[in-house]
């Protein structure tokens, strides 16, 4: 069987812990090359994983290697130009979230993908969590009724090790904790609900602890065109005993809670626990979600399936993120529809 030849750009923490090991486990995939501007880091990672072909410049990589696909796992400001370059070379791309720093850039990438027919996939791994897939199946089968409220949050406790320093620089990150963690929660909530259009966004962003030009805490309220509401609360550093990461979905006949997954349904006048047997730990859910995301991308490259996280979805999420930051800046509600 001829292997799918891929390269990975950006060998930071997620690449080392999850992406590279996952790719190397796939018998039908060859990790042909790594690319990273930090030469010392690249050398260590390449040696650790036994990758012989290394590059410090993506253009040299694309000129030198015959590739079937490429993973872009760099700091945020490189996502747009690198994805655009790969598309220009006709190479399918999986680009980490956010796909760009703003809607204009995201739209350009989507247009390029559609014009060339070259697939562009956005790294939103929460859609591949097995608990999220189970919950979405319940919702699609109308087991819980139509969702009218989704409450989600991702709060890291005070005193934890800081995130990567480049995230504090808006020119590189495009935003703070809302761009880092909130974007994942918003995408997950909308995907679970069947991707309804958003009517308006109202947000509140705070810089409490970080000496930077981005927010370290925030709250967003999102209403969809069918009058459902999503609330999102995020923080890099909150005065909590332990981290909190949750998504609660409330329908007209039942409710669901993630981390861990629990499902409750109104039946015969009683509230019944209908949670399927679910044994994976949070660590397993995290790692397996990336493995399934990579597998989906490989099957997309082979032409066997469509992306679970297509470019158009990534572009729409960027439109919502632009509204989140505009609302916080102006202190006003930002209307997206109607």
C-alpha atoms as a PDB file:
ATOM      1  CA  UNK A   1       0.000   0.000   0.000  1.00  0.00           C
ATOM      2  CA  UNK A   2       1.391   3.368  -1.040  1.00  0.00           C
ATOM      3  CA  UNK A   3       1.726   5.628   1.975  1.00  0.00           C
ATOM      4  CA  UNK A   4       0.361   9.150   2.284  1.00  0.00           C
ATOM      5  CA  UNK A   5       3.399  11.424   2.593  1.00  0.00           C
ATOM      6  CA  UNK A   6       2.899  14.329   5.006  1.00  0.00           C
ATOM      7  CA  UNK A   7       5.032  16.988   6.668  1.00  0.00           C
ATOM      8  CA  UNK A   8       4.508  18.855   9.914  1.00  0.00           C
ATOM      9  CA  UNK A   9       5.409  22.510  10.488  1.00  0.00           C
ATOM     10  CA  UNK A  10       5.885  23.628  14.100  1.00  0.00           C
ATOM     11  CA  UNK A  11       7.236  21.122  16.632  1.00  0.00           C
ATOM     12  CA  UNK A  12       5.910  22.623  19.868  1.00  0.00           C
ATOM     13  CA  UNK A  13       4.267  20.832  22.766  1.00  0.00           C
ATOM     14  CA  UNK A  14       1.108  19.484  21.079  1.00  0.00           C
ATOM     15  CA  UNK A  15       3.125  18.245  18.105  1.00  0.00           C
ATOM     16  CA  UNK A  16       5.569  16.397  20.348  1.00  0.00           C
ATOM     17  CA  UNK A  17       3.029  14.952  22.779  1.00  0.00           C
ATOM     18  CA  UNK A  18       0.198  14.073  20.416  1.00  0.00           C
ATOM     19  CA  UNK A  19       0.489  14.826  16.707  1.00  0.00           C
ATOM     20  CA  UNK A  20       3.863  13.314  15.794  1.00  0.00           C
ATOM     21  CA  UNK A  21       3.323  10.091  17.823  1.00  0.00           C
ATOM     22  CA  UNK A  22      -0.169   9.712  16.328  1.00  0.00           C
ATOM     23  CA  UNK A  23       1.071  10.132  12.757  1.00  0.00           C
ATOM     24  CA  UNK A  24       3.933   7.696  13.283  1.00  0.00           C
ATOM     25  CA  UNK A  25       1.493   5.028  14.500  1.00  0.00           C
ATOM     26  CA  UNK A  26      -0.466   5.099  11.234  1.00  0.00           C
ATOM     27  CA  UNK A  27       0.687   2.354   8.880  1.00  0.00           C
ATOM     28  CA  UNK A  28      -0.607   4.107   5.762  1.00  0.00           C
ATOM     29  CA  UNK A  29       1.087   7.442   6.548  1.00  0.00           C
ATOM     30  CA  UNK A  30       4.725   8.517   6.238  1.00  0.00           C
ATOM     31  CA  UNK A  31       5.909  11.546   8.188  1.00  0.00           C
ATOM     32  CA  UNK A  32       8.349  12.659   5.512  1.00  0.00           C
ATOM     33  CA  UNK A  33       9.696  15.853   7.087  1.00  0.00           C
ATOM     34  CA  UNK A  34       9.555  18.328   9.957  1.00  0.00           C
ATOM     35  CA  UNK A  35       9.874  22.099   9.677  1.00  0.00           C
ATOM     36  CA  UNK A  36      10.638  24.561  12.494  1.00  0.00           C
ATOM     37  CA  UNK A  37      12.433  27.923  12.726  1.00  0.00           C
ATOM     38  CA  UNK A  38      13.995  27.014  16.088  1.00  0.00           C
ATOM     39  CA  UNK A  39      16.925  24.928  14.866  1.00  0.00           C
ATOM     40  CA  UNK A  40      17.907  23.603  18.291  1.00  0.00           C
ATOM     41  CA  UNK A  41      14.366  22.421  19.072  1.00  0.00           C
ATOM     42  CA  UNK A  42      13.985  20.920  15.612  1.00  0.00           C
ATOM     43  CA  UNK A  43      17.199  18.928  16.001  1.00  0.00           C
ATOM     44  CA  UNK A  44      16.135  17.464  19.331  1.00  0.00           C
ATOM     45  CA  UNK A  45      12.623  16.550  18.145  1.00  0.00           C
ATOM     46  CA  UNK A  46      13.811  15.092  14.830  1.00  0.00           C
ATOM     47  CA  UNK A  47      16.331  12.895  16.624  1.00  0.00           C
ATOM     48  CA  UNK A  48      13.791  11.786  19.226  1.00  0.00           C
ATOM     49  CA  UNK A  49      11.304  10.615  16.604  1.00  0.00           C
ATOM     50  CA  UNK A  50      13.798   9.462  13.956  1.00  0.00           C
ATOM     51  CA  UNK A  51      12.843  11.987  11.263  1.00  0.00           C
ATOM     52  CA  UNK A  52      15.724  12.526   8.824  1.00  0.00           C
ATOM     53  CA  UNK A  53      14.377  15.325   6.632  1.00  0.00           C
ATOM     54  CA  UNK A  54      14.282  18.670   8.437  1.00  0.00           C
ATOM     55  CA  UNK A  55      13.730  22.217   7.190  1.00  0.00           C
ATOM     56  CA  UNK A  56      13.917  25.666   8.761  1.00  0.00           C
ATOM     57  CA  UNK A  57      11.868  27.338   6.004  1.00  0.00           C
ATOM     58  CA  UNK A  58       8.492  26.118   4.740  1.00  0.00           C
ATOM     59  CA  UNK A  59       9.081  27.244   1.160  1.00  0.00           C
ATOM     60  CA  UNK A  60      12.219  25.104   0.961  1.00  0.00           C
ATOM     61  CA  UNK A  61      10.205  22.210   2.369  1.00  0.00           C
ATOM     62  CA  UNK A  62       7.505  22.568  -0.291  1.00  0.00           C
ATOM     63  CA  UNK A  63      10.070  22.872  -3.089  1.00  0.00           C
ATOM     64  CA  UNK A  64      12.087  19.875  -1.931  1.00  0.00           C
ATOM     65  CA  UNK A  65       9.510  17.304  -0.830  1.00  0.00           C
ATOM     66  CA  UNK A  66       6.723  15.586  -2.744  1.00  0.00           C
ATOM     67  CA  UNK A  67       3.880  15.795  -0.243  1.00  0.00           C
ATOM     68  CA  UNK A  68       0.270  14.629  -0.127  1.00  0.00           C
ATOM     69  CA  UNK A  69      -0.594  16.794   2.888  1.00  0.00           C
ATOM     70  CA  UNK A  70       0.808  19.142   5.489  1.00  0.00           C
ATOM     71  CA  UNK A  71       0.075  19.978   9.135  1.00  0.00           C
ATOM     72  CA  UNK A  72       0.544  23.590  10.272  1.00  0.00           C
ATOM     73  CA  UNK A  73       1.007  23.664  14.053  1.00  0.00           C
ATOM     74  CA  UNK A  74       2.782  26.990  14.543  1.00  0.00           C
ATOM     75  CA  UNK A  75       1.947  30.127  16.548  1.00  0.00           C
ATOM     76  CA  UNK A  76      -1.247  31.751  15.270  1.00  0.00           C
ATOM     77  CA  UNK A  77       0.220  34.509  13.106  1.00  0.00           C
ATOM     78  CA  UNK A  78       1.829  31.931  10.800  1.00  0.00           C
ATOM     79  CA  UNK A  79      -1.380  29.980  10.176  1.00  0.00           C
ATOM     80  CA  UNK A  80      -2.723  32.181   7.395  1.00  0.00           C
ATOM     81  CA  UNK A  81       0.438  32.742   5.317  1.00  0.00           C
ATOM     82  CA  UNK A  82       1.599  29.138   5.641  1.00  0.00           C
ATOM     83  CA  UNK A  83      -1.805  27.654   4.798  1.00  0.00           C
ATOM     84  CA  UNK A  84      -2.075  29.998   1.828  1.00  0.00           C
ATOM     85  CA  UNK A  85       1.381  28.974   0.611  1.00  0.00           C
ATOM     86  CA  UNK A  86       0.552  25.271   0.861  1.00  0.00           C
ATOM     87  CA  UNK A  87      -2.698  25.780  -1.056  1.00  0.00           C
ATOM     88  CA  UNK A  88      -0.770  27.634  -3.761  1.00  0.00           C
ATOM     89  CA  UNK A  89       1.449  24.562  -4.084  1.00  0.00           C
ATOM     90  CA  UNK A  90      -1.680  22.383  -4.353  1.00  0.00           C
ATOM     91  CA  UNK A  91      -1.096  20.550  -1.072  1.00  0.00           C
ATOM     92  CA  UNK A  92      -4.009  19.705   1.266  1.00  0.00           C
ATOM     93  CA  UNK A  93      -3.664  21.427   4.640  1.00  0.00           C
ATOM     94  CA  UNK A  94      -4.671  20.804   8.232  1.00  0.00           C
ATOM     95  CA  UNK A  95      -4.140  24.130   9.994  1.00  0.00           C
ATOM     96  CA  UNK A  96      -4.474  24.466  13.757  1.00  0.00           C
ATOM     97  CA  UNK A  97      -7.106  26.790  15.179  1.00  0.00           C
ATOM     98  CA  UNK A  98      -7.514  29.661  14.680  1.00  0.00           C
ATOM     99  CA  UNK A  99      -7.134  29.261  10.920  1.00  0.00           C
ATOM    100  CA  UNK A 100      -6.229  32.973  10.682  1.00  0.00           C
ATOM    101  CA  UNK A 101      -6.123  36.136  12.772  1.00  0.00           C
ATOM    102  CA  UNK A 102      -9.341  37.625  11.368  1.00  0.00           C
ATOM    103  CA  UNK A 103     -12.296  36.985   9.079  1.00  0.00           C
ATOM    104  CA  UNK A 104     -10.677  38.632   6.060  1.00  0.00           C
ATOM    105  CA  UNK A 105      -7.735  36.229   6.160  1.00  0.00           C
ATOM    106  CA  UNK A 106      -9.989  33.238   6.854  1.00  0.00           C
ATOM    107  CA  UNK A 107     -12.195  34.146   3.880  1.00  0.00           C
ATOM    108  CA  UNK A 108      -9.157  34.317   1.605  1.00  0.00           C
ATOM    109  CA  UNK A 109      -8.106  30.821   2.647  1.00  0.00           C
ATOM    110  CA  UNK A 110     -11.607  29.442   2.084  1.00  0.00           C
ATOM    111  CA  UNK A 111     -11.799  31.086  -1.335  1.00  0.00           C
ATOM    112  CA  UNK A 112      -8.391  29.694  -2.318  1.00  0.00           C
ATOM    113  CA  UNK A 113      -9.410  26.192  -1.251  1.00  0.00           C
ATOM    114  CA  UNK A 114     -12.673  26.412  -3.195  1.00  0.00           C
ATOM    115  CA  UNK A 115     -11.018  27.908  -6.292  1.00  0.00           C
ATOM    116  CA  UNK A 116      -8.256  25.305  -6.441  1.00  0.00           C
ATOM    117  CA  UNK A 117     -10.171  22.314  -5.134  1.00  0.00           C
ATOM    118  CA  UNK A 118      -7.390  21.705  -2.604  1.00  0.00           C
ATOM    119  CA  UNK A 119      -8.796  20.663   0.768  1.00  0.00           C
ATOM    120  CA  UNK A 120      -8.284  22.867   3.827  1.00  0.00           C
ATOM    121  CA  UNK A 121      -9.133  21.406   7.239  1.00  0.00           C
ATOM    122  CA  UNK A 122      -9.163  23.379  10.501  1.00  0.00           C
ATOM    123  CA  UNK A 123      -7.841  21.799  13.703  1.00  0.00           C
ATOM    124  CA  UNK A 124     -10.864  21.738  16.020  1.00  0.00           C
ATOM    125  CA  UNK A 125     -10.152  18.508  17.881  1.00  0.00           C
ATOM    126  CA  UNK A 126     -13.078  18.777  20.331  1.00  0.00           C
ATOM    127  CA  UNK A 127     -15.422  17.667  17.539  1.00  0.00           C
ATOM    128  CA  UNK A 128     -13.564  14.333  17.607  1.00  0.00           C
ATOM    129  CA  UNK A 129     -13.915  13.661  21.341  1.00  0.00           C
ATOM    130  CA  UNK A 130     -15.815  10.418  21.754  1.00  0.00           C
ATOM    131  CA  UNK A 131     -18.054  11.956  24.427  1.00  0.00           C
ATOM    132  CA  UNK A 132     -18.875  14.851  22.071  1.00  0.00           C
ATOM    133  CA  UNK A 133     -19.665  12.386  19.267  1.00  0.00           C
ATOM    134  CA  UNK A 134     -22.002  10.421  21.554  1.00  0.00           C
ATOM    135  CA  UNK A 135     -23.733  13.605  22.694  1.00  0.00           C
ATOM    136  CA  UNK A 136     -24.119  14.884  19.133  1.00  0.00           C
ATOM    137  CA  UNK A 137     -25.716  11.579  18.127  1.00  0.00           C
ATOM    138  CA  UNK A 138     -28.258  11.957  20.959  1.00  0.00           C
ATOM    139  CA  UNK A 139     -29.027  15.505  19.866  1.00  0.00           C
ATOM    140  CA  UNK A 140     -29.342  14.639  16.167  1.00  0.00           C
ATOM    141  CA  UNK A 141     -31.823  11.896  17.039  1.00  0.00           C
ATOM    142  CA  UNK A 142     -33.799  14.437  19.104  1.00  0.00           C
ATOM    143  CA  UNK A 143     -33.376  12.347  22.249  1.00  0.00           C
ATOM    144  CA  UNK A 144     -33.054  15.459  24.436  1.00  0.00           C
ATOM    145  CA  UNK A 145     -35.302  17.793  22.486  1.00  0.00           C
ATOM    146  CA  UNK A 146     -34.227  20.977  20.759  1.00  0.00           C
ATOM    147  CA  UNK A 147     -31.316  22.644  22.623  1.00  0.00           C
ATOM    148  CA  UNK A 148     -32.206  26.091  23.937  1.00  0.00           C
ATOM    149  CA  UNK A 149     -29.196  26.757  26.192  1.00  0.00           C
ATOM    150  CA  UNK A 150     -25.565  25.672  26.138  1.00  0.00           C
ATOM    151  CA  UNK A 151     -23.366  26.707  29.054  1.00  0.00           C
ATOM    152  CA  UNK A 152     -19.649  26.087  28.634  1.00  0.00           C
ATOM    153  CA  UNK A 153     -16.445  27.118  30.339  1.00  0.00           C
ATOM    154  CA  UNK A 154     -12.733  26.479  30.549  1.00  0.00           C
ATOM    155  CA  UNK A 155     -11.130  27.926  33.669  1.00  0.00           C
ATOM    156  CA  UNK A 156      -7.557  27.209  34.730  1.00  0.00           C
ATOM    157  CA  UNK A 157      -6.776  27.494  38.400  1.00  0.00           C
ATOM    158  CA  UNK A 158      -4.533  30.193  39.824  1.00  0.00           C
ATOM    159  CA  UNK A 159      -0.912  29.124  40.337  1.00  0.00           C
ATOM    160  CA  UNK A 160      -0.587  26.846  37.309  1.00  0.00           C
ATOM    161  CA  UNK A 161       2.411  27.142  35.017  1.00  0.00           C
ATOM    162  CA  UNK A 162       1.907  29.967  32.488  1.00  0.00           C
ATOM    163  CA  UNK A 163       0.886  29.310  28.910  1.00  0.00           C
ATOM    164  CA  UNK A 164       3.273  29.904  26.020  1.00  0.00           C
ATOM    165  CA  UNK A 165       4.658  33.446  26.133  1.00  0.00           C
ATOM    166  CA  UNK A 166       3.819  34.282  22.525  1.00  0.00           C
ATOM    167  CA  UNK A 167       0.126  34.085  23.459  1.00  0.00           C
ATOM    168  CA  UNK A 168       0.570  37.358  25.375  1.00  0.00           C
ATOM    169  CA  UNK A 169       1.483  39.222  22.163  1.00  0.00           C
ATOM    170  CA  UNK A 170      -1.631  40.175  20.179  1.00  0.00           C
ATOM    171  CA  UNK A 171       0.408  40.560  16.974  1.00  0.00           C
ATOM    172  CA  UNK A 172       1.239  36.851  17.182  1.00  0.00           C
ATOM    173  CA  UNK A 173      -1.815  35.372  18.902  1.00  0.00           C
ATOM    174  CA  UNK A 174      -4.620  37.575  17.569  1.00  0.00           C
ATOM    175  CA  UNK A 175      -6.157  37.596  21.052  1.00  0.00           C
ATOM    176  CA  UNK A 176      -5.887  36.127  24.519  1.00  0.00           C
ATOM    177  CA  UNK A 177      -7.720  33.383  26.350  1.00  0.00           C
ATOM    178  CA  UNK A 178     -10.862  33.743  24.244  1.00  0.00           C
ATOM    179  CA  UNK A 179      -8.836  33.100  21.073  1.00  0.00           C
ATOM    180  CA  UNK A 180      -6.917  30.306  22.794  1.00  0.00           C
ATOM    181  CA  UNK A 181      -9.667  28.399  24.620  1.00  0.00           C
ATOM    182  CA  UNK A 182     -12.957  30.188  23.975  1.00  0.00           C
ATOM    183  CA  UNK A 183     -12.817  29.519  20.239  1.00  0.00           C
ATOM    184  CA  UNK A 184     -12.810  25.769  20.900  1.00  0.00           C
ATOM    185  CA  UNK A 185     -15.829  25.985  23.196  1.00  0.00           C
ATOM    186  CA  UNK A 186     -17.811  28.160  20.787  1.00  0.00           C
ATOM    187  CA  UNK A 187     -17.086  25.800  17.913  1.00  0.00           C
ATOM    188  CA  UNK A 188     -18.045  22.747  19.988  1.00  0.00           C
ATOM    189  CA  UNK A 189     -21.299  24.308  21.179  1.00  0.00           C
ATOM    190  CA  UNK A 190     -22.421  25.333  17.689  1.00  0.00           C
ATOM    191  CA  UNK A 191     -21.406  21.959  16.217  1.00  0.00           C
ATOM    192  CA  UNK A 192     -23.387  20.062  18.866  1.00  0.00           C
ATOM    193  CA  UNK A 193     -26.408  22.254  18.103  1.00  0.00           C
ATOM    194  CA  UNK A 194     -26.216  21.544  14.366  1.00  0.00           C
ATOM    195  CA  UNK A 195     -24.262  24.689  13.415  1.00  0.00           C
ATOM    196  CA  UNK A 196     -27.067  27.288  13.610  1.00  0.00           C
ATOM    197  CA  UNK A 197     -26.320  30.809  12.420  1.00  0.00           C
ATOM    198  CA  UNK A 198     -25.528  33.368  15.124  1.00  0.00           C
ATOM    199  CA  UNK A 199     -27.800  36.369  15.627  1.00  0.00           C
ATOM    200  CA  UNK A 200     -25.659  38.460  17.973  1.00  0.00           C
ATOM    201  CA  UNK A 201     -22.639  38.436  20.274  1.00  0.00           C
ATOM    202  CA  UNK A 202     -22.072  40.312  23.535  1.00  0.00           C
ATOM    203  CA  UNK A 203     -18.776  39.889  25.343  1.00  0.00           C
ATOM    204  CA  UNK A 204     -16.773  41.089  28.328  1.00  0.00           C
ATOM    205  CA  UNK A 205     -12.985  40.649  28.353  1.00  0.00           C
ATOM    206  CA  UNK A 206     -10.572  41.351  31.216  1.00  0.00           C
ATOM    207  CA  UNK A 207      -6.843  41.642  31.742  1.00  0.00           C
ATOM    208  CA  UNK A 208      -6.493  40.979  35.452  1.00  0.00           C
ATOM    209  CA  UNK A 209      -3.221  39.166  35.986  1.00  0.00           C
ATOM    210  CA  UNK A 210      -1.251  39.206  32.746  1.00  0.00           C
ATOM    211  CA  UNK A 211       1.190  41.976  31.876  1.00  0.00           C
ATOM    212  CA  UNK A 212       0.221  41.902  28.215  1.00  0.00           C
ATOM    213  CA  UNK A 213      -2.087  43.412  25.612  1.00  0.00           C
ATOM    214  CA  UNK A 214      -4.497  40.449  25.541  1.00  0.00           C
ATOM    215  CA  UNK A 215      -7.273  39.319  27.866  1.00  0.00           C
ATOM    216  CA  UNK A 216      -6.661  36.622  30.464  1.00  0.00           C
ATOM    217  CA  UNK A 217     -10.363  36.162  31.358  1.00  0.00           C
ATOM    218  CA  UNK A 218     -13.606  36.626  29.505  1.00  0.00           C
ATOM    219  CA  UNK A 219     -17.305  35.970  29.100  1.00  0.00           C
ATOM    220  CA  UNK A 220     -19.288  35.790  25.857  1.00  0.00           C
ATOM    221  CA  UNK A 221     -23.045  35.526  25.325  1.00  0.00           C
ATOM    222  CA  UNK A 222     -24.149  34.289  21.919  1.00  0.00           C
ATOM    223  CA  UNK A 223     -27.719  34.040  20.624  1.00  0.00           C
ATOM    224  CA  UNK A 224     -28.529  31.976  17.539  1.00  0.00           C
ATOM    225  CA  UNK A 225     -31.140  32.793  14.916  1.00  0.00           C
ATOM    226  CA  UNK A 226     -33.443  30.146  16.419  1.00  0.00           C
ATOM    227  CA  UNK A 227     -33.261  31.908  19.823  1.00  0.00           C
ATOM    228  CA  UNK A 228     -30.953  29.454  21.567  1.00  0.00           C
ATOM    229  CA  UNK A 229     -28.291  30.970  23.844  1.00  0.00           C
ATOM    230  CA  UNK A 230     -24.660  29.972  24.403  1.00  0.00           C
ATOM    231  CA  UNK A 231     -22.581  31.324  27.288  1.00  0.00           C
ATOM    232  CA  UNK A 232     -18.813  30.918  27.338  1.00  0.00           C
ATOM    233  CA  UNK A 233     -16.546  31.703  30.291  1.00  0.00           C
ATOM    234  CA  UNK A 234     -12.774  31.311  30.061  1.00  0.00           C
ATOM    235  CA  UNK A 235      -9.706  32.191  32.095  1.00  0.00           C
ATOM    236  CA  UNK A 236      -6.015  31.399  32.103  1.00  0.00           C
ATOM    237  CA  UNK A 237      -5.771  32.157  35.807  1.00  0.00           C
ATOM    238  CA  UNK A 238      -8.773  31.990  38.110  1.00  0.00           C
ATOM    239  CA  UNK A 239      -8.906  31.649  41.889  1.00  0.00           C
ATOM    240  CA  UNK A 240     -10.136  28.063  41.850  1.00  0.00           C
ATOM    241  CA  UNK A 241      -9.210  24.898  43.712  1.00  0.00           C
ATOM    242  CA  UNK A 242      -8.828  23.015  40.429  1.00  0.00           C
ATOM    243  CA  UNK A 243      -9.245  23.473  36.689  1.00  0.00           C
ATOM    244  CA  UNK A 244     -12.763  23.452  35.259  1.00  0.00           C
ATOM    245  CA  UNK A 245     -13.677  22.417  31.711  1.00  0.00           C
ATOM    246  CA  UNK A 246     -17.349  21.813  31.033  1.00  0.00           C
ATOM    247  CA  UNK A 247     -20.068  21.921  28.415  1.00  0.00           C
ATOM    248  CA  UNK A 248     -23.700  21.654  29.529  1.00  0.00           C
ATOM    249  CA  UNK A 249     -26.461  21.284  26.945  1.00  0.00           C
ATOM    250  CA  UNK A 250     -30.089  21.787  27.904  1.00  0.00           C
ATOM    251  CA  UNK A 251     -32.882  20.620  25.594  1.00  0.00           C
ATOM    252  CA  UNK A 252     -36.629  20.704  25.993  1.00  0.00           C
ATOM    253  CA  UNK A 253     -36.791  17.034  27.032  1.00  0.00           C
ATOM    254  CA  UNK A 254     -33.390  16.473  28.623  1.00  0.00           C
ATOM    255  CA  UNK A 255     -29.924  17.694  29.492  1.00  0.00           C
ATOM    256  CA  UNK A 256     -26.310  16.646  28.993  1.00  0.00           C
ATOM    257  CA  UNK A 257     -23.039  17.336  30.778  1.00  0.00           C
ATOM    258  CA  UNK A 258     -19.508  16.736  29.503  1.00  0.00           C
ATOM    259  CA  UNK A 259     -16.346  16.020  31.531  1.00  0.00           C
ATOM    260  CA  UNK A 260     -17.514  13.439  32.447  1.00  0.00           C
ATOM    261  CA  UNK A 261     -20.361  12.675  30.063  1.00  0.00           C
ATOM    262  CA  UNK A 262     -23.777  12.401  31.706  1.00  0.00           C
ATOM    263  CA  UNK A 263     -27.155  12.371  29.939  1.00  0.00           C
ATOM    264  CA  UNK A 264     -30.581  12.817  31.517  1.00  0.00           C
ATOM    265  CA  UNK A 265     -33.923  12.520  29.761  1.00  0.00           C
ATOM    266  CA  UNK A 266     -37.519  13.132  30.765  1.00  0.00           C
ATOM    267  CA  UNK A 267     -39.387   9.833  30.437  1.00  0.00           C
ATOM    268  CA  UNK A 268     -42.873   8.974  31.689  1.00  0.00           C
ATOM    269  CA  UNK A 269     -42.860  11.927  34.057  1.00  0.00           C
ATOM    270  CA  UNK A 270     -39.453  11.089  35.511  1.00  0.00           C
ATOM    271  CA  UNK A 271     -35.893  12.264  34.908  1.00  0.00           C
ATOM    272  CA  UNK A 272     -33.891   9.204  33.838  1.00  0.00           C
ATOM    273  CA  UNK A 273     -30.114   8.787  33.592  1.00  0.00           C
ATOM    274  CA  UNK A 274     -29.508   7.541  30.024  1.00  0.00           C
ATOM    275  CA  UNK A 275     -25.709   7.901  30.031  1.00  0.00           C
ATOM    276  CA  UNK A 276     -24.009   5.232  27.883  1.00  0.00           C
ATOM    277  CA  UNK A 277     -21.146   3.250  29.412  1.00  0.00           C
ATOM    278  CA  UNK A 278     -18.150   5.522  28.998  1.00  0.00           C
ATOM    279  CA  UNK A 279     -14.777   4.636  30.489  1.00  0.00           C
ATOM    280  CA  UNK A 280     -12.137   6.796  28.821  1.00  0.00           C
ATOM    281  CA  UNK A 281     -10.224   9.228  31.033  1.00  0.00           C
ATOM    282  CA  UNK A 282      -9.910  12.900  30.149  1.00  0.00           C
ATOM    283  CA  UNK A 283      -6.324  12.271  29.000  1.00  0.00           C
ATOM    284  CA  UNK A 284      -7.455   9.445  26.712  1.00  0.00           C
ATOM    285  CA  UNK A 285     -10.286  11.595  25.332  1.00  0.00           C
ATOM    286  CA  UNK A 286      -7.800  14.399  24.623  1.00  0.00           C
ATOM    287  CA  UNK A 287      -5.272  12.206  22.820  1.00  0.00           C
ATOM    288  CA  UNK A 288      -7.809  10.123  20.926  1.00  0.00           C
ATOM    289  CA  UNK A 289      -9.536  13.273  19.659  1.00  0.00           C
ATOM    290  CA  UNK A 290      -6.329  14.356  17.937  1.00  0.00           C
ATOM    291  CA  UNK A 291      -5.790  10.863  16.537  1.00  0.00           C
ATOM    292  CA  UNK A 292      -9.298  10.838  15.050  1.00  0.00           C
ATOM    293  CA  UNK A 293      -8.810  14.361  13.686  1.00  0.00           C
ATOM    294  CA  UNK A 294      -5.591  13.272  11.939  1.00  0.00           C
ATOM    295  CA  UNK A 295      -7.284  10.135  10.599  1.00  0.00           C
ATOM    296  CA  UNK A 296     -10.102  12.234   9.160  1.00  0.00           C
ATOM    297  CA  UNK A 297      -7.537  14.455   7.411  1.00  0.00           C
ATOM    298  CA  UNK A 298      -5.756  11.423   5.934  1.00  0.00           C
ATOM    299  CA  UNK A 299      -9.051  10.044   4.619  1.00  0.00           C
ATOM    300  CA  UNK A 300      -9.818  13.487   3.150  1.00  0.00           C
ATOM    301  CA  UNK A 301      -6.453  13.433   1.348  1.00  0.00           C
ATOM    302  CA  UNK A 302      -7.313   9.996  -0.044  1.00  0.00           C
ATOM    303  CA  UNK A 303     -10.641  11.334  -1.281  1.00  0.00           C
ATOM    304  CA  UNK A 304     -12.602   8.868   0.840  1.00  0.00           C
ATOM    305  CA  UNK A 305     -14.493  11.355   3.027  1.00  0.00           C
ATOM    306  CA  UNK A 306     -15.228  15.023   3.647  1.00  0.00           C
ATOM    307  CA  UNK A 307     -13.667  17.102   6.457  1.00  0.00           C
ATOM    308  CA  UNK A 308     -15.429  17.054   9.815  1.00  0.00           C
ATOM    309  CA  UNK A 309     -13.929  20.529  10.362  1.00  0.00           C
ATOM    310  CA  UNK A 310     -14.051  22.218   6.925  1.00  0.00           C
ATOM    311  CA  UNK A 311     -12.588  25.609   6.089  1.00  0.00           C
ATOM    312  CA  UNK A 312     -16.035  27.210   5.828  1.00  0.00           C
ATOM    313  CA  UNK A 313     -16.742  26.352   9.467  1.00  0.00           C
ATOM    314  CA  UNK A 314     -13.390  27.809  10.525  1.00  0.00           C
ATOM    315  CA  UNK A 315     -14.160  30.982   8.615  1.00  0.00           C
ATOM    316  CA  UNK A 316     -17.541  31.374  10.339  1.00  0.00           C
ATOM    317  CA  UNK A 317     -15.977  30.877  13.762  1.00  0.00           C
ATOM    318  CA  UNK A 318     -13.473  33.636  12.917  1.00  0.00           C
ATOM    319  CA  UNK A 319     -16.402  35.912  12.096  1.00  0.00           C
ATOM    320  CA  UNK A 320     -17.830  35.187  15.547  1.00  0.00           C
ATOM    321  CA  UNK A 321     -14.427  35.791  17.170  1.00  0.00           C
ATOM    322  CA  UNK A 322     -14.123  39.159  15.433  1.00  0.00           C
ATOM    323  CA  UNK A 323     -17.535  40.038  16.876  1.00  0.00           C
ATOM    324  CA  UNK A 324     -16.428  38.901  20.364  1.00  0.00           C
ATOM    325  CA  UNK A 325     -13.472  41.283  20.316  1.00  0.00           C
ATOM    326  CA  UNK A 326     -15.459  44.104  18.721  1.00  0.00           C
ATOM    327  CA  UNK A 327     -18.191  43.797  21.366  1.00  0.00           C
ATOM    328  CA  UNK A 328     -15.640  43.940  24.202  1.00  0.00           C
ATOM    329  CA  UNK A 329     -13.903  46.928  22.602  1.00  0.00           C
ATOM    330  CA  UNK A 330     -17.070  48.960  22.008  1.00  0.00           C
ATOM    331  CA  UNK A 331     -19.155  47.752  24.973  1.00  0.00           C
ATOM    332  CA  UNK A 332     -21.995  46.986  22.568  1.00  0.00           C
ATOM    333  CA  UNK A 333     -23.853  44.018  21.192  1.00  0.00           C
ATOM    334  CA  UNK A 334     -22.629  43.016  17.728  1.00  0.00           C
ATOM    335  CA  UNK A 335     -25.321  41.792  15.345  1.00  0.00           C
ATOM    336  CA  UNK A 336     -24.353  39.131  12.797  1.00  0.00           C
ATOM    337  CA  UNK A 337     -27.715  38.269  11.252  1.00  0.00           C
ATOM    338  CA  UNK A 338     -30.835  40.236  10.363  1.00  0.00           C
END
